[in-house]
PDB file of all heavy atoms in Angstrom:
ATOM      1  N   GLY A   1      65.701  13.261 -13.423  1.00  0.00           N
ATOM      2  CA  GLY A   1      64.499  13.527 -12.648  1.00  0.00           C
ATOM      3  C   GLY A   1      64.001  14.928 -12.902  1.00  0.00           C
ATOM      4  O   GLY A   1      64.648  15.751 -13.531  1.00  0.00           O
ATOM      5  N   VAL A   2      62.781  15.262 -12.385  1.00  0.00           N
ATOM      6  CA  VAL A   2      62.176  16.559 -12.537  1.00  0.00           C
ATOM      7  C   VAL A   2      61.542  16.950 -11.219  1.00  0.00           C
ATOM      8  O   VAL A   2      60.949  16.110 -10.538  1.00  0.00           O
ATOM      9  CB  VAL A   2      61.128  16.541 -13.667  1.00  0.00           C
ATOM     10  CG1 VAL A   2      60.022  15.571 -13.384  1.00  0.00           C
ATOM     11  CG2 VAL A   2      60.562  17.939 -13.854  1.00  0.00           C
ATOM     12  N   SER A   3      61.688  18.207 -10.852  1.00  0.00           N
ATOM     13  CA  SER A   3      61.035  18.713  -9.660  1.00  0.00           C
ATOM     14  C   SER A   3      60.025  19.750 -10.093  1.00  0.00           C
ATOM     15  O   SER A   3      60.289  20.539 -10.987  1.00  0.00           O
ATOM     16  CB  SER A   3      62.062  19.341  -8.711  1.00  0.00           C
ATOM     17  OG  SER A   3      62.709  20.427  -9.344  1.00  0.00           O
ATOM     18  N   GLY A   4      58.879  19.782  -9.467  1.00  0.00           N
ATOM     19  CA  GLY A   4      57.787  20.646  -9.888  1.00  0.00           C
ATOM     20  C   GLY A   4      56.834  19.874 -10.776  1.00  0.00           C
ATOM     21  O   GLY A   4      56.995  18.688 -11.020  1.00  0.00           O
ATOM     22  N   GLY A   5      55.830  20.499 -11.272  1.00  0.00           N
ATOM     23  CA  GLY A   5      54.879  19.830 -12.143  1.00  0.00           C
ATOM     24  C   GLY A   5      53.991  20.830 -12.832  1.00  0.00           C
ATOM     25  O   GLY A   5      52.830  20.577 -13.089  1.00  0.00           O
ATOM     26  N   ARG A   6      54.505  22.005 -13.167  1.00  0.00           N
ATOM     27  CA  ARG A   6      53.716  23.052 -13.772  1.00  0.00           C
ATOM     28  C   ARG A   6      53.634  22.831 -15.273  1.00  0.00           C
ATOM     29  O   ARG A   6      54.430  22.113 -15.860  1.00  0.00           O
ATOM     30  CB  ARG A   6      54.349  24.401 -13.434  1.00  0.00           C
ATOM     31  CG  ARG A   6      54.410  24.666 -11.945  1.00  0.00           C
ATOM     32  CD  ARG A   6      55.171  25.912 -11.637  1.00  0.00           C
ATOM     33  NE  ARG A   6      54.532  27.044 -12.281  1.00  0.00           N
ATOM     34  CZ  ARG A   6      55.040  28.254 -12.247  1.00  0.00           C
ATOM     35  NH1 ARG A   6      56.182  28.481 -11.630  1.00  0.00           N
ATOM     36  NH2 ARG A   6      54.430  29.246 -12.851  1.00  0.00           N
ATOM     37  N   PRO A   7      52.681  23.480 -15.927  1.00  0.00           N
ATOM     38  CA  PRO A   7      52.481  23.240 -17.362  1.00  0.00           C
ATOM     39  C   PRO A   7      53.703  23.659 -18.157  1.00  0.00           C
ATOM     40  O   PRO A   7      54.374  24.628 -17.844  1.00  0.00           O
ATOM     41  CB  PRO A   7      51.275  24.113 -17.706  1.00  0.00           C
ATOM     42  CG  PRO A   7      50.605  24.384 -16.398  1.00  0.00           C
ATOM     43  CD  PRO A   7      51.682  24.366 -15.370  1.00  0.00           C
ATOM     44  N   LEU A   8      53.926  22.918 -19.247  1.00  0.00           N
ATOM     45  CA  LEU A   8      55.000  23.249 -20.159  1.00  0.00           C
ATOM     46  C   LEU A   8      54.585  24.363 -21.113  1.00  0.00           C
ATOM     47  O   LEU A   8      55.326  25.284 -21.393  1.00  0.00           O
ATOM     48  CB  LEU A   8      55.410  22.017 -20.978  1.00  0.00           C
ATOM     49  CG  LEU A   8      56.255  20.988 -20.229  1.00  0.00           C
ATOM     50  CD1 LEU A   8      56.496  19.803 -21.130  1.00  0.00           C
ATOM     51  CD2 LEU A   8      57.564  21.564 -19.739  1.00  0.00           C
ATOM     52  N   ALA A   9      53.407  24.265 -21.641  1.00  0.00           N
ATOM     53  CA  ALA A   9      52.932  25.261 -22.596  1.00  0.00           C
ATOM     54  C   ALA A   9      51.433  25.305 -22.508  1.00  0.00           C
ATOM     55  O   ALA A   9      50.799  24.266 -22.570  1.00  0.00           O
ATOM     56  CB  ALA A   9      53.370  24.901 -24.014  1.00  0.00           C
ATOM     57  N   GLY A  10      50.879  26.576 -22.376  1.00  0.00           N
ATOM     58  CA  GLY A  10      49.458  26.852 -22.206  1.00  0.00           C
ATOM     59  C   GLY A  10      48.543  25.669 -22.346  1.00  0.00           C
ATOM     60  O   GLY A  10      48.408  25.049 -23.370  1.00  0.00           O
ATOM     61  N   GLY A  11      47.975  25.233 -21.312  1.00  0.00           N
ATOM     62  CA  GLY A  11      47.076  24.095 -21.350  1.00  0.00           C
ATOM     63  C   GLY A  11      47.400  23.145 -20.233  1.00  0.00           C
ATOM     64  O   GLY A  11      47.914  23.503 -19.183  1.00  0.00           O
ATOM     65  N   ASP A  12      47.103  21.884 -20.449  1.00  0.00           N
ATOM     66  CA  ASP A  12      47.294  20.877 -19.405  1.00  0.00           C
ATOM     67  C   ASP A  12      48.502  20.003 -19.682  1.00  0.00           C
ATOM     68  O   ASP A  12      48.601  18.900 -19.166  1.00  0.00           O
ATOM     69  CB  ASP A  12      46.041  20.003 -19.300  1.00  0.00           C
ATOM     70  CG  ASP A  12      45.666  19.410 -20.640  1.00  0.00           C
ATOM     71  OD1 ASP A  12      46.347  19.732 -21.635  1.00  0.00           O
ATOM     72  OD2 ASP A  12      44.715  18.637 -20.686  1.00  0.00           O
ATOM     73  N   ALA A  13      49.413  20.445 -20.547  1.00  0.00           N
ATOM     74  CA  ALA A  13      50.602  19.646 -20.830  1.00  0.00           C
ATOM     75  C   ALA A  13      51.600  19.830 -19.706  1.00  0.00           C
ATOM     76  O   ALA A  13      52.242  20.858 -19.594  1.00  0.00           O
ATOM     77  CB  ALA A  13      51.208  20.057 -22.166  1.00  0.00           C
ATOM     78  N   THR A  14      51.730  18.875 -18.837  1.00  0.00           N
ATOM     79  CA  THR A  14      52.656  18.932 -17.712  1.00  0.00           C
ATOM     80  C   THR A  14      53.640  17.791 -17.811  1.00  0.00           C
ATOM     81  O   THR A  14      53.415  16.791 -18.495  1.00  0.00           O
ATOM     82  CB  THR A  14      51.894  18.825 -16.382  1.00  0.00           C
ATOM     83  OG1 THR A  14      51.134  17.622 -16.386  1.00  0.00           O
ATOM     84  CG2 THR A  14      50.928  20.012 -16.230  1.00  0.00           C
ATOM     85  N   MET A  15      54.764  17.938 -17.115  1.00  0.00           N
ATOM     86  CA  MET A  15      55.770  16.887 -17.113  1.00  0.00           C
ATOM     87  C   MET A  15      55.268  15.697 -16.317  1.00  0.00           C
ATOM     88  O   MET A  15      54.801  15.852 -15.189  1.00  0.00           O
ATOM     89  CB  MET A  15      57.072  17.398 -16.497  1.00  0.00           C
ATOM     90  CG  MET A  15      57.766  18.475 -17.312  1.00  0.00           C
ATOM     91  SD  MET A  15      59.306  18.909 -16.555  1.00  0.00           S
ATOM     92  CE  MET A  15      59.817  20.214 -17.628  1.00  0.00           C
ATOM     93  N   PRO A  16      55.351  14.511 -16.875  1.00  0.00           N
ATOM     94  CA  PRO A  16      55.004  13.323 -16.089  1.00  0.00           C
ATOM     95  C   PRO A  16      56.024  13.098 -14.989  1.00  0.00           C
ATOM     96  O   PRO A  16      57.221  13.224 -15.209  1.00  0.00           O
ATOM     97  CB  PRO A  16      55.003  12.202 -17.122  1.00  0.00           C
ATOM     98  CG  PRO A  16      55.905  12.677 -18.217  1.00  0.00           C
ATOM     99  CD  PRO A  16      55.764  14.161 -18.253  1.00  0.00           C
ATOM    100  N   VAL A  17      55.571  12.810 -13.805  1.00  0.00           N
ATOM    101  CA  VAL A  17      56.444  12.611 -12.639  1.00  0.00           C
ATOM    102  C   VAL A  17      56.341  11.156 -12.197  1.00  0.00           C
ATOM    103  O   VAL A  17      55.253  10.615 -12.042  1.00  0.00           O
ATOM    104  CB  VAL A  17      56.031  13.563 -11.505  1.00  0.00           C
ATOM    105  CG1 VAL A  17      56.916  13.350 -10.308  1.00  0.00           C
ATOM    106  CG2 VAL A  17      56.133  15.004 -11.991  1.00  0.00           C
ATOM    107  N   ASP A  18      57.475  10.537 -11.991  1.00  0.00           N
ATOM    108  CA  ASP A  18      57.528   9.148 -11.532  1.00  0.00           C
ATOM    109  C   ASP A  18      58.170   9.141 -10.151  1.00  0.00           C
ATOM    110  O   ASP A  18      59.329   9.518  -9.988  1.00  0.00           O
ATOM    111  CB  ASP A  18      58.354   8.309 -12.516  1.00  0.00           C
ATOM    112  CG  ASP A  18      58.357   6.846 -12.124  1.00  0.00           C
ATOM    113  OD1 ASP A  18      57.603   6.497 -11.207  1.00  0.00           O
ATOM    114  OD2 ASP A  18      59.111   6.077 -12.756  1.00  0.00           O
ATOM    115  N   THR A  19      57.427   8.741  -9.148  1.00  0.00           N
ATOM    116  CA  THR A  19      57.916   8.737  -7.768  1.00  0.00           C
ATOM    117  C   THR A  19      58.315   7.353  -7.309  1.00  0.00           C
ATOM    118  O   THR A  19      58.488   7.115  -6.122  1.00  0.00           O
ATOM    119  CB  THR A  19      56.832   9.272  -6.837  1.00  0.00           C
ATOM    120  OG1 THR A  19      55.651   8.460  -6.998  1.00  0.00           O
ATOM    121  CG2 THR A  19      56.479  10.702  -7.199  1.00  0.00           C
ATOM    122  N   ALA A  20      58.481   6.419  -8.271  1.00  0.00           N
ATOM    123  CA  ALA A  20      58.883   5.057  -7.883  1.00  0.00           C
ATOM    124  C   ALA A  20      60.367   5.026  -7.586  1.00  0.00           C
ATOM    125  O   ALA A  20      61.125   5.922  -7.893  1.00  0.00           O
ATOM    126  CB  ALA A  20      58.547   4.079  -9.010  1.00  0.00           C
ATOM    127  N   GLY A  21      60.820   3.951  -7.032  1.00  0.00           N
ATOM    128  CA  GLY A  21      62.243   3.741  -6.751  1.00  0.00           C
ATOM    129  C   GLY A  21      62.657   4.454  -5.502  1.00  0.00           C
ATOM    130  O   GLY A  21      62.130   4.237  -4.425  1.00  0.00           O
ATOM    131  N   ASP A  22      63.631   5.374  -5.650  1.00  0.00           N
ATOM    132  CA  ASP A  22      64.188   6.046  -4.489  1.00  0.00           C
ATOM    133  C   ASP A  22      63.401   7.273  -4.095  1.00  0.00           C
ATOM    134  O   ASP A  22      63.851   8.046  -3.259  1.00  0.00           O
ATOM    135  CB  ASP A  22      65.663   6.420  -4.746  1.00  0.00           C
ATOM    136  CG  ASP A  22      65.777   7.255  -6.004  1.00  0.00           C
ATOM    137  OD1 ASP A  22      64.725   7.501  -6.653  1.00  0.00           O
ATOM    138  OD2 ASP A  22      66.895   7.670  -6.348  1.00  0.00           O
ATOM    139  N   GLY A  23      62.226   7.515  -4.686  1.00  0.00           N
ATOM    140  CA  GLY A  23      61.386   8.636  -4.292  1.00  0.00           C
ATOM    141  C   GLY A  23      61.621   9.895  -5.092  1.00  0.00           C
ATOM    142  O   GLY A  23      60.886  10.859  -4.942  1.00  0.00           O
ATOM    143  N   GLU A  24      62.659   9.934  -5.937  1.00  0.00           N
ATOM    144  CA  GLU A  24      62.909  11.108  -6.740  1.00  0.00           C
ATOM    145  C   GLU A  24      62.231  10.935  -8.096  1.00  0.00           C
ATOM    146  O   GLU A  24      62.250   9.851  -8.667  1.00  0.00           O
ATOM    147  CB  GLU A  24      64.417  11.322  -6.921  1.00  0.00           C
ATOM    148  CG  GLU A  24      65.110  11.730  -5.639  1.00  0.00           C
ATOM    149  CD  GLU A  24      66.455  12.319  -5.935  1.00  0.00           C
ATOM    150  OE1 GLU A  24      66.740  12.518  -7.129  1.00  0.00           O
ATOM    151  OE2 GLU A  24      67.197  12.583  -4.986  1.00  0.00           O
ATOM    152  N   PRO A  25      61.618  11.998  -8.633  1.00  0.00           N
ATOM    153  CA  PRO A  25      60.948  11.892  -9.937  1.00  0.00           C
ATOM    154  C   PRO A  25      61.966  11.603 -11.022  1.00  0.00           C
ATOM    155  O   PRO A  25      63.075  12.127 -11.012  1.00  0.00           O
ATOM    156  CB  PRO A  25      60.301  13.263 -10.113  1.00  0.00           C
ATOM    157  CG  PRO A  25      61.079  14.185  -9.231  1.00  0.00           C
ATOM    158  CD  PRO A  25      61.531  13.363  -8.065  1.00  0.00           C
ATOM    159  N   ALA A  26      61.556  10.803 -12.011  1.00  0.00           N
ATOM    160  CA  ALA A  26      62.426  10.411 -13.119  1.00  0.00           C
ATOM    161  C   ALA A  26      61.667  10.547 -14.420  1.00  0.00           C
ATOM    162  O   ALA A  26      60.442  10.388 -14.455  1.00  0.00           O
ATOM    163  CB  ALA A  26      62.918   8.980 -12.936  1.00  0.00           C
ATOM    164  N   LEU A  27      62.374  10.886 -15.507  1.00  0.00           N
ATOM    165  CA  LEU A  27      61.790  11.029 -16.836  1.00  0.00           C
ATOM    166  C   LEU A  27      62.443  10.039 -17.767  1.00  0.00           C
ATOM    167  O   LEU A  27      63.654   9.817 -17.723  1.00  0.00           O
ATOM    168  CB  LEU A  27      62.011  12.452 -17.369  1.00  0.00           C
ATOM    169  CG  LEU A  27      61.263  13.586 -16.651  1.00  0.00           C
ATOM    170  CD1 LEU A  27      61.669  14.911 -17.255  1.00  0.00           C
ATOM    171  CD2 LEU A  27      59.777  13.377 -16.740  1.00  0.00           C
ATOM    172  N   SER A  28      61.606   9.467 -18.638  1.00  0.00           N
ATOM    173  CA  SER A  28      62.127   8.534 -19.629  1.00  0.00           C
ATOM    174  C   SER A  28      62.645   9.304 -20.837  1.00  0.00           C
ATOM    175  O   SER A  28      62.463  10.523 -20.954  1.00  0.00           O
ATOM    176  CB  SER A  28      61.028   7.557 -20.047  1.00  0.00           C
ATOM    177  OG  SER A  28      59.969   8.259 -20.668  1.00  0.00           O
ATOM    178  N   ALA A  29      63.260   8.572 -21.750  1.00  0.00           N
ATOM    179  CA  ALA A  29      63.798   9.195 -22.958  1.00  0.00           C
ATOM    180  C   ALA A  29      62.680   9.756 -23.830  1.00  0.00           C
ATOM    181  O   ALA A  29      62.815  10.830 -24.436  1.00  0.00           O
ATOM    182  CB  ALA A  29      64.631   8.184 -23.739  1.00  0.00           C
ATOM    183  N   ASP A  30      61.532   9.060 -23.917  1.00  0.00           N
ATOM    184  CA  ASP A  30      60.405   9.549 -24.721  1.00  0.00           C
ATOM    185  C   ASP A  30      59.849  10.851 -24.157  1.00  0.00           C
ATOM    186  O   ASP A  30      59.489  11.772 -24.899  1.00  0.00           O
ATOM    187  CB  ASP A  30      59.301   8.492 -24.775  1.00  0.00           C
ATOM    188  CG  ASP A  30      59.758   7.241 -25.517  1.00  0.00           C
ATOM    189  OD1 ASP A  30      60.719   7.352 -26.323  1.00  0.00           O
ATOM    190  OD2 ASP A  30      59.161   6.174 -25.292  1.00  0.00           O
TER     191      ASP A  30
END
């Protein structure tokens, strides 16, 4: 999972957040 949602590198590239399931954000392998 990931907490927060700030840009990774100058611009609008942010970590995708998935709030499904138990409510905690999760990231896929891709």
